[in-house]
Structures are given as C-alpha cells and as structure tokens.
Full PDB file with SEQRES, HELIX, SHEET, SSBOND, CRYST1, ORIGX, SCALE, CONECT and MASTER records, all heavy atoms in Angstrom:
SEQRES   1 A   32  ALA PRO LEU VAL GLN ARG PRO VAL VAL VAL ALA GLY VAL          
SEQRES   2 A   32  SER GLY SER SER TRP GLY GLU THR VAL ILE LEU HIS ALA          
SEQRES   3 A   32  SER GLU LEU ALA ALA ASP                                      
HELIX    1 AA1 GLY A   19  ALA A   31  1                                  13    
CRYST1    1.000    1.000    1.000  90.00  90.00  90.00 P 1           1          
ORIGX1      1.000000  0.000000  0.000000        0.00000                         
ORIGX2      0.000000  1.000000  0.000000        0.00000                         
ORIGX3      0.000000  0.000000  1.000000        0.00000                         
SCALE1      1.000000  0.000000  0.000000        0.00000                         
SCALE2      0.000000  1.000000  0.000000        0.00000                         
SCALE3      0.000000  0.000000  1.000000        0.00000                         
ATOM      1  N   ALA A   1     -10.800 -18.055 -25.853  1.00  0.00           N  
ATOM      2  CA  ALA A   1     -11.057 -18.006 -24.394  1.00  0.00           C  
ATOM      3  C   ALA A   1     -11.213 -16.551 -23.956  1.00  0.00           C  
ATOM      4  O   ALA A   1     -10.520 -15.651 -24.489  1.00  0.00           O  
ATOM      5  CB  ALA A   1      -9.896 -18.664 -23.649  1.00  0.00           C  
ATOM      6  N   PRO A   2     -12.061 -16.317 -23.003  1.00  0.00           N  
ATOM      7  CA  PRO A   2     -12.208 -14.947 -22.534  1.00  0.00           C  
ATOM      8  C   PRO A   2     -10.943 -14.456 -21.792  1.00  0.00           C  
ATOM      9  O   PRO A   2     -10.193 -15.235 -21.270  1.00  0.00           O  
ATOM     10  CB  PRO A   2     -13.404 -15.043 -21.553  1.00  0.00           C  
ATOM     11  CG  PRO A   2     -13.393 -16.465 -21.113  1.00  0.00           C  
ATOM     12  CD  PRO A   2     -12.930 -17.269 -22.288  1.00  0.00           C  
ATOM     13  N   LEU A   3     -10.782 -13.170 -21.782  1.00  0.00           N  
ATOM     14  CA  LEU A   3      -9.656 -12.594 -21.022  1.00  0.00           C  
ATOM     15  C   LEU A   3      -9.897 -12.754 -19.588  1.00  0.00           C  
ATOM     16  O   LEU A   3     -10.988 -12.482 -19.055  1.00  0.00           O  
ATOM     17  CB  LEU A   3      -9.496 -11.092 -21.389  1.00  0.00           C  
ATOM     18  CG  LEU A   3      -8.955 -10.753 -22.777  1.00  0.00           C  
ATOM     19  CD1 LEU A   3      -8.870  -9.243 -22.915  1.00  0.00           C  
ATOM     20  CD2 LEU A   3      -7.610 -11.378 -23.020  1.00  0.00           C  
ATOM     21  N   VAL A   4      -8.892 -13.187 -18.887  1.00  0.00           N  
ATOM     22  CA  VAL A   4      -8.970 -13.343 -17.423  1.00  0.00           C  
ATOM     23  C   VAL A   4      -8.387 -12.071 -16.794  1.00  0.00           C  
ATOM     24  O   VAL A   4      -7.195 -11.790 -16.955  1.00  0.00           O  
ATOM     25  CB  VAL A   4      -8.247 -14.584 -16.936  1.00  0.00           C  
ATOM     26  CG1 VAL A   4      -8.305 -14.683 -15.405  1.00  0.00           C  
ATOM     27  CG2 VAL A   4      -8.863 -15.830 -17.571  1.00  0.00           C  
ATOM     28  N   GLN A   5      -9.221 -11.389 -16.077  1.00  0.00           N  
ATOM     29  CA  GLN A   5      -8.775 -10.140 -15.442  1.00  0.00           C  
ATOM     30  C   GLN A   5      -7.966 -10.451 -14.170  1.00  0.00           C  
ATOM     31  O   GLN A   5      -8.487 -11.120 -13.247  1.00  0.00           O  
ATOM     32  CB  GLN A   5      -9.954  -9.249 -15.079  1.00  0.00           C  
ATOM     33  CG  GLN A   5      -9.545  -7.834 -14.663  1.00  0.00           C  
ATOM     34  CD  GLN A   5     -10.756  -6.964 -14.381  1.00  0.00           C  
ATOM     35  OE1 GLN A   5     -11.574  -7.261 -13.513  1.00  0.00           O  
ATOM     36  NE2 GLN A   5     -10.893  -5.865 -15.117  1.00  0.00           N  
ATOM     37  N   ARG A   6      -6.714  -9.998 -14.141  1.00  0.00           N  
ATOM     38  CA  ARG A   6      -5.895 -10.295 -12.981  1.00  0.00           C  
ATOM     39  C   ARG A   6      -6.361  -9.429 -11.793  1.00  0.00           C  
ATOM     40  O   ARG A   6      -6.928  -8.357 -11.966  1.00  0.00           O  
ATOM     41  CB  ARG A   6      -4.405  -9.963 -13.307  1.00  0.00           C  
ATOM     42  CG  ARG A   6      -3.819 -10.819 -14.341  1.00  0.00           C  
ATOM     43  CD  ARG A   6      -2.351 -11.090 -14.159  1.00  0.00           C  
ATOM     44  NE  ARG A   6      -1.567  -9.932 -13.723  1.00  0.00           N  
ATOM     45  CZ  ARG A   6      -0.323 -10.045 -13.284  1.00  0.00           C  
ATOM     46  NH1 ARG A   6       0.249 -11.227 -13.166  1.00  0.00           N  
ATOM     47  NH2 ARG A   6       0.404  -8.976 -12.947  1.00  0.00           N  
ATOM     48  N   PRO A   7      -6.111  -9.948 -10.614  1.00  0.00           N  
ATOM     49  CA  PRO A   7      -6.429  -9.111  -9.419  1.00  0.00           C  
ATOM     50  C   PRO A   7      -5.570  -7.817  -9.440  1.00  0.00           C  
ATOM     51  O   PRO A   7      -4.571  -7.749 -10.140  1.00  0.00           O  
ATOM     52  CB  PRO A   7      -6.024  -9.996  -8.251  1.00  0.00           C  
ATOM     53  CG  PRO A   7      -5.901 -11.362  -8.755  1.00  0.00           C  
ATOM     54  CD  PRO A   7      -5.567 -11.232 -10.210  1.00  0.00           C  
ATOM     55  N   VAL A   8      -6.044  -6.833  -8.698  1.00  0.00           N  
ATOM     56  CA  VAL A   8      -5.289  -5.555  -8.628  1.00  0.00           C  
ATOM     57  C   VAL A   8      -5.032  -5.199  -7.185  1.00  0.00           C  
ATOM     58  O   VAL A   8      -5.810  -5.555  -6.271  1.00  0.00           O  
ATOM     59  CB  VAL A   8      -6.068  -4.389  -9.292  1.00  0.00           C  
ATOM     60  CG1 VAL A   8      -6.233  -4.627 -10.796  1.00  0.00           C  
ATOM     61  CG2 VAL A   8      -7.423  -4.180  -8.643  1.00  0.00           C  
ATOM     62  N   VAL A   9      -3.862  -4.584  -6.995  1.00  0.00           N  
ATOM     63  CA  VAL A   9      -3.563  -3.918  -5.703  1.00  0.00           C  
ATOM     64  C   VAL A   9      -3.864  -2.448  -5.927  1.00  0.00           C  
ATOM     65  O   VAL A   9      -3.289  -1.820  -6.845  1.00  0.00           O  
ATOM     66  CB  VAL A   9      -2.107  -4.168  -5.249  1.00  0.00           C  
ATOM     67  CG1 VAL A   9      -1.816  -3.248  -4.048  1.00  0.00           C  
ATOM     68  CG2 VAL A   9      -1.907  -5.628  -4.936  1.00  0.00           C  
ATOM     69  N   VAL A  10      -4.764  -1.869  -5.146  1.00  0.00           N  
ATOM     70  CA  VAL A  10      -5.188  -0.497  -5.328  1.00  0.00           C  
ATOM     71  C   VAL A  10      -4.449   0.422  -4.373  1.00  0.00           C  
ATOM     72  O   VAL A  10      -4.515   0.239  -3.147  1.00  0.00           O  
ATOM     73  CB  VAL A  10      -6.704  -0.366  -5.095  1.00  0.00           C  
ATOM     74  CG1 VAL A  10      -7.129   1.093  -5.269  1.00  0.00           C  
ATOM     75  CG2 VAL A  10      -7.469  -1.236  -6.098  1.00  0.00           C  
ATOM     76  N   ALA A  11      -3.753   1.383  -4.953  1.00  0.00           N  
ATOM     77  CA  ALA A  11      -3.065   2.414  -4.169  1.00  0.00           C  
ATOM     78  C   ALA A  11      -3.850   3.703  -4.202  1.00  0.00           C  
ATOM     79  O   ALA A  11      -4.194   4.180  -5.281  1.00  0.00           O  
ATOM     80  CB  ALA A  11      -1.673   2.656  -4.688  1.00  0.00           C  
ATOM     81  N   GLY A  12      -4.235   4.221  -3.059  1.00  0.00           N  
ATOM     82  CA  GLY A  12      -4.976   5.463  -3.003  1.00  0.00           C  
ATOM     83  C   GLY A  12      -4.020   6.608  -2.719  1.00  0.00           C  
ATOM     84  O   GLY A  12      -3.232   6.603  -1.792  1.00  0.00           O  
ATOM     85  N   VAL A  13      -4.015   7.643  -3.637  1.00  0.00           N  
ATOM     86  CA  VAL A  13      -3.109   8.778  -3.484  1.00  0.00           C  
ATOM     87  C   VAL A  13      -3.908  10.068  -3.494  1.00  0.00           C  
ATOM     88  O   VAL A  13      -4.920  10.213  -4.116  1.00  0.00           O  
ATOM     89  CB  VAL A  13      -2.041   8.808  -4.588  1.00  0.00           C  
ATOM     90  CG1 VAL A  13      -1.145   7.595  -4.530  1.00  0.00           C  
ATOM     91  CG2 VAL A  13      -2.687   8.950  -5.977  1.00  0.00           C  
ATOM     92  N   SER A  14      -3.377  11.070  -2.779  1.00  0.00           N  
ATOM     93  CA  SER A  14      -3.920  12.423  -2.752  1.00  0.00           C  
ATOM     94  C   SER A  14      -2.933  13.321  -3.373  1.00  0.00           C  
ATOM     95  O   SER A  14      -1.840  12.897  -3.842  1.00  0.00           O  
ATOM     96  CB  SER A  14      -4.264  12.827  -1.327  1.00  0.00           C  
ATOM     97  OG  SER A  14      -3.080  12.916  -0.562  1.00  0.00           O  
ATOM     98  N   GLY A  15      -3.210  14.620  -3.361  1.00  0.00           N  
ATOM     99  CA  GLY A  15      -2.265  15.583  -3.939  1.00  0.00           C  
ATOM    100  C   GLY A  15      -1.184  15.980  -2.955  1.00  0.00           C  
ATOM    101  O   GLY A  15      -0.901  17.156  -2.764  1.00  0.00           O  
ATOM    102  N   SER A  16      -0.612  14.998  -2.268  1.00  0.00           N  
ATOM    103  CA  SER A  16       0.486  15.257  -1.301  1.00  0.00           C  
ATOM    104  C   SER A  16       1.663  14.408  -1.657  1.00  0.00           C  
ATOM    105  O   SER A  16       1.587  13.469  -2.449  1.00  0.00           O  
ATOM    106  CB  SER A  16       0.051  14.987   0.157  1.00  0.00           C  
ATOM    107  OG  SER A  16      -0.023  13.587   0.345  1.00  0.00           O  
ATOM    108  N   SER A  17       2.796  14.689  -1.014  1.00  0.00           N  
ATOM    109  CA  SER A  17       4.040  13.996  -1.351  1.00  0.00           C  
ATOM    110  C   SER A  17       4.064  12.557  -0.805  1.00  0.00           C  
ATOM    111  O   SER A  17       5.011  11.791  -1.038  1.00  0.00           O  
ATOM    112  CB  SER A  17       5.218  14.757  -0.786  1.00  0.00           C  
ATOM    113  OG  SER A  17       5.180  14.865   0.625  1.00  0.00           O  
ATOM    114  N   TRP A  18       3.017  12.167  -0.059  1.00  0.00           N  
ATOM    115  CA  TRP A  18       3.033  10.816   0.477  1.00  0.00           C  
ATOM    116  C   TRP A  18       2.771   9.733  -0.585  1.00  0.00           C  
ATOM    117  O   TRP A  18       3.048   8.583  -0.367  1.00  0.00           O  
ATOM    118  CB  TRP A  18       1.904  10.677   1.545  1.00  0.00           C  
ATOM    119  CG  TRP A  18       2.017  11.531   2.715  1.00  0.00           C  
ATOM    120  CD1 TRP A  18       2.654  12.772   2.809  1.00  0.00           C  
ATOM    121  CD2 TRP A  18       1.569  11.285   4.046  1.00  0.00           C  
ATOM    122  NE1 TRP A  18       2.580  13.285   4.063  1.00  0.00           N  
ATOM    123  CE2 TRP A  18       1.896  12.377   4.857  1.00  0.00           C  
ATOM    124  CE3 TRP A  18       0.844  10.225   4.609  1.00  0.00           C  
ATOM    125  CZ2 TRP A  18       1.580  12.446   6.201  1.00  0.00           C  
ATOM    126  CZ3 TRP A  18       0.525  10.291   5.961  1.00  0.00           C  
ATOM    127  CH2 TRP A  18       0.887  11.397   6.736  1.00  0.00           C  
ATOM    128  N   GLY A  19       2.244  10.195  -1.730  1.00  0.00           N  
ATOM    129  CA  GLY A  19       1.824   9.201  -2.741  1.00  0.00           C  
ATOM    130  C   GLY A  19       2.917   8.325  -3.285  1.00  0.00           C  
ATOM    131  O   GLY A  19       2.664   7.190  -3.643  1.00  0.00           O  
ATOM    132  N   GLU A  20       4.144   8.873  -3.400  1.00  0.00           N  
ATOM    133  CA  GLU A  20       5.237   8.070  -3.976  1.00  0.00           C  
ATOM    134  C   GLU A  20       5.470   6.829  -3.151  1.00  0.00           C  
ATOM    135  O   GLU A  20       5.594   5.705  -3.713  1.00  0.00           O  
ATOM    136  CB  GLU A  20       6.502   8.892  -4.083  1.00  0.00           C  
ATOM    137  CG  GLU A  20       7.655   8.139  -4.661  1.00  0.00           C  
ATOM    138  CD  GLU A  20       8.939   8.947  -4.765  1.00  0.00           C  
ATOM    139  OE1 GLU A  20       9.026   9.990  -4.120  1.00  0.00           O  
ATOM    140  OE2 GLU A  20       9.830   8.511  -5.538  1.00  0.00           O  
ATOM    141  N   THR A  21       5.543   6.948  -1.861  1.00  0.00           N  
ATOM    142  CA  THR A  21       5.775   5.782  -0.998  1.00  0.00           C  
ATOM    143  C   THR A  21       4.646   4.808  -1.112  1.00  0.00           C  
ATOM    144  O   THR A  21       4.840   3.568  -1.146  1.00  0.00           O  
ATOM    145  CB  THR A  21       5.903   6.233   0.475  1.00  0.00           C  
ATOM    146  OG1 THR A  21       7.021   7.179   0.537  1.00  0.00           O  
ATOM    147  CG2 THR A  21       6.267   5.068   1.349  1.00  0.00           C  
ATOM    148  N   VAL A  22       3.375   5.282  -1.177  1.00  0.00           N  
ATOM    149  CA  VAL A  22       2.223   4.423  -1.318  1.00  0.00           C  
ATOM    150  C   VAL A  22       2.290   3.666  -2.621  1.00  0.00           C  
ATOM    151  O   VAL A  22       2.087   2.424  -2.673  1.00  0.00           O  
ATOM    152  CB  VAL A  22       0.940   5.286  -1.259  1.00  0.00           C  
ATOM    153  CG1 VAL A  22      -0.287   4.422  -1.614  1.00  0.00           C  
ATOM    154  CG2 VAL A  22       0.758   5.899   0.121  1.00  0.00           C  
ATOM    155  N   ILE A  23       2.651   4.361  -3.741  1.00  0.00           N  
ATOM    156  CA  ILE A  23       2.693   3.682  -5.028  1.00  0.00           C  
ATOM    157  C   ILE A  23       3.805   2.644  -5.065  1.00  0.00           C  
ATOM    158  O   ILE A  23       3.579   1.485  -5.550  1.00  0.00           O  
ATOM    159  CB  ILE A  23       2.915   4.716  -6.113  1.00  0.00           C  
ATOM    160  CG1 ILE A  23       1.680   5.624  -6.266  1.00  0.00           C  
ATOM    161  CG2 ILE A  23       3.210   4.039  -7.496  1.00  0.00           C  
ATOM    162  CD1 ILE A  23       1.865   6.822  -7.165  1.00  0.00           C  
ATOM    163  N   LEU A  24       4.970   2.954  -4.556  1.00  0.00           N  
ATOM    164  CA  LEU A  24       6.089   1.994  -4.602  1.00  0.00           C  
ATOM    165  C   LEU A  24       5.767   0.772  -3.754  1.00  0.00           C  
ATOM    166  O   LEU A  24       6.075  -0.380  -4.147  1.00  0.00           O  
ATOM    167  CB  LEU A  24       7.371   2.664  -4.110  1.00  0.00           C  
ATOM    168  CG  LEU A  24       7.915   3.791  -4.996  1.00  0.00           C  
ATOM    169  CD1 LEU A  24       9.114   4.466  -4.375  1.00  0.00           C  
ATOM    170  CD2 LEU A  24       8.274   3.240  -6.390  1.00  0.00           C  
ATOM    171  N   HIS A  25       5.186   0.972  -2.581  1.00  0.00           N  
ATOM    172  CA  HIS A  25       4.815  -0.149  -1.740  1.00  0.00           C  
ATOM    173  C   HIS A  25       3.712  -1.005  -2.408  1.00  0.00           C  
ATOM    174  O   HIS A  25       3.851  -2.268  -2.396  1.00  0.00           O  
ATOM    175  CB  HIS A  25       4.293   0.315  -0.353  1.00  0.00           C  
ATOM    176  CG  HIS A  25       3.956  -0.780   0.599  1.00  0.00           C  
ATOM    177  ND1 HIS A  25       4.898  -1.395   1.359  1.00  0.00           N  
ATOM    178  CD2 HIS A  25       2.783  -1.370   0.865  1.00  0.00           C  
ATOM    179  CE1 HIS A  25       4.339  -2.381   2.086  1.00  0.00           C  
ATOM    180  NE2 HIS A  25       3.019  -2.363   1.784  1.00  0.00           N  
ATOM    181  N   ALA A  26       2.760  -0.370  -3.019  1.00  0.00           N  
ATOM    182  CA  ALA A  26       1.701  -1.105  -3.689  1.00  0.00           C  
ATOM    183  C   ALA A  26       2.256  -1.887  -4.856  1.00  0.00           C  
ATOM    184  O   ALA A  26       1.803  -3.050  -5.176  1.00  0.00           O  
ATOM    185  CB  ALA A  26       0.600  -0.158  -4.177  1.00  0.00           C  
ATOM    186  N   SER A  27       3.220  -1.305  -5.581  1.00  0.00           N  
ATOM    187  CA  SER A  27       3.837  -2.024  -6.717  1.00  0.00           C  
ATOM    188  C   SER A  27       4.560  -3.267  -6.248  1.00  0.00           C  
ATOM    189  O   SER A  27       4.443  -4.353  -6.897  1.00  0.00           O  
ATOM    190  CB  SER A  27       4.842  -1.085  -7.439  1.00  0.00           C  
ATOM    191  OG  SER A  27       5.527  -1.716  -8.466  1.00  0.00           O  
ATOM    192  N   GLU A  28       5.284  -3.173  -5.189  1.00  0.00           N  
ATOM    193  CA  GLU A  28       5.981  -4.357  -4.630  1.00  0.00           C  
ATOM    194  C   GLU A  28       4.965  -5.437  -4.192  1.00  0.00           C  
ATOM    195  O   GLU A  28       5.143  -6.623  -4.423  1.00  0.00           O  
ATOM    196  CB  GLU A  28       6.857  -3.933  -3.457  1.00  0.00           C  
ATOM    197  CG  GLU A  28       8.061  -3.039  -3.829  1.00  0.00           C  
ATOM    198  CD  GLU A  28       8.810  -2.555  -2.618  1.00  0.00           C  
ATOM    199  OE1 GLU A  28       8.432  -2.869  -1.498  1.00  0.00           O  
ATOM    200  OE2 GLU A  28       9.778  -1.800  -2.815  1.00  0.00           O  
ATOM    201  N   LEU A  29       3.917  -4.971  -3.559  1.00  0.00           N  
ATOM    202  CA  LEU A  29       2.885  -5.886  -3.079  1.00  0.00           C  
ATOM    203  C   LEU A  29       2.195  -6.563  -4.282  1.00  0.00           C  
ATOM    204  O   LEU A  29       1.922  -7.778  -4.243  1.00  0.00           O  
ATOM    205  CB  LEU A  29       1.822  -5.136  -2.256  1.00  0.00           C  
ATOM    206  CG  LEU A  29       0.760  -5.971  -1.499  1.00  0.00           C  
ATOM    207  CD1 LEU A  29       1.389  -6.921  -0.525  1.00  0.00           C  
ATOM    208  CD2 LEU A  29      -0.227  -5.034  -0.835  1.00  0.00           C  
ATOM    209  N   ALA A  30       1.920  -5.831  -5.338  1.00  0.00           N  
ATOM    210  CA  ALA A  30       1.336  -6.413  -6.536  1.00  0.00           C  
ATOM    211  C   ALA A  30       2.239  -7.455  -7.164  1.00  0.00           C  
ATOM    212  O   ALA A  30       1.785  -8.539  -7.583  1.00  0.00           O  
ATOM    213  CB  ALA A  30       1.028  -5.301  -7.554  1.00  0.00           C  
ATOM    214  N   ALA A  31       3.546  -7.188  -7.220  1.00  0.00           N  
ATOM    215  CA  ALA A  31       4.476  -8.153  -7.774  1.00  0.00           C  
ATOM    216  C   ALA A  31       4.515  -9.447  -6.941  1.00  0.00           C  
ATOM    217  O   ALA A  31       4.548 -10.533  -7.477  1.00  0.00           O  
ATOM    218  CB  ALA A  31       5.867  -7.534  -7.879  1.00  0.00           C  
ATOM    219  N   ASP A  32       4.499  -9.258  -5.620  1.00  0.00           N  
ATOM    220  CA  ASP A  32       4.514 -10.421  -4.749  1.00  0.00           C  
ATOM    221  C   ASP A  32       3.264 -11.314  -4.890  1.00  0.00           C  
ATOM    222  O   ASP A  32       3.298 -12.510  -4.658  1.00  0.00           O  
ATOM    223  CB  ASP A  32       4.677 -10.007  -3.274  1.00  0.00           C  
ATOM    224  CG  ASP A  32       6.048  -9.406  -2.985  1.00  0.00           C  
ATOM    225  OD1 ASP A  32       6.956  -9.593  -3.805  1.00  0.00           O  
ATOM    226  OD2 ASP A  32       6.172  -8.652  -1.986  1.00  0.00           O  
TER     227      ASP A  32                                                      
MASTER        0    0    0    1    0    0    0    6  226    1    0    3          
END                                                                             
C-alpha cells in the first residue's frame, strides 16, 4: 500500500524569540 501522508500543522518562525511559543502551540495543535 502507498504511504499515506499525514496532514501537517505549519508553524512559521523568524529569527526572533517569538518562535518558541509558536512552535509549542503548533505542536499541541498537531497532536490534537
């Protein structure tokens, strides 16, 4: 059977300290 690609939650980050919060929120959303 072909591999089924799971959906992704995409987190956009720049070179600033805001990225950690974005990544953690996106990770929780992906798990949900």
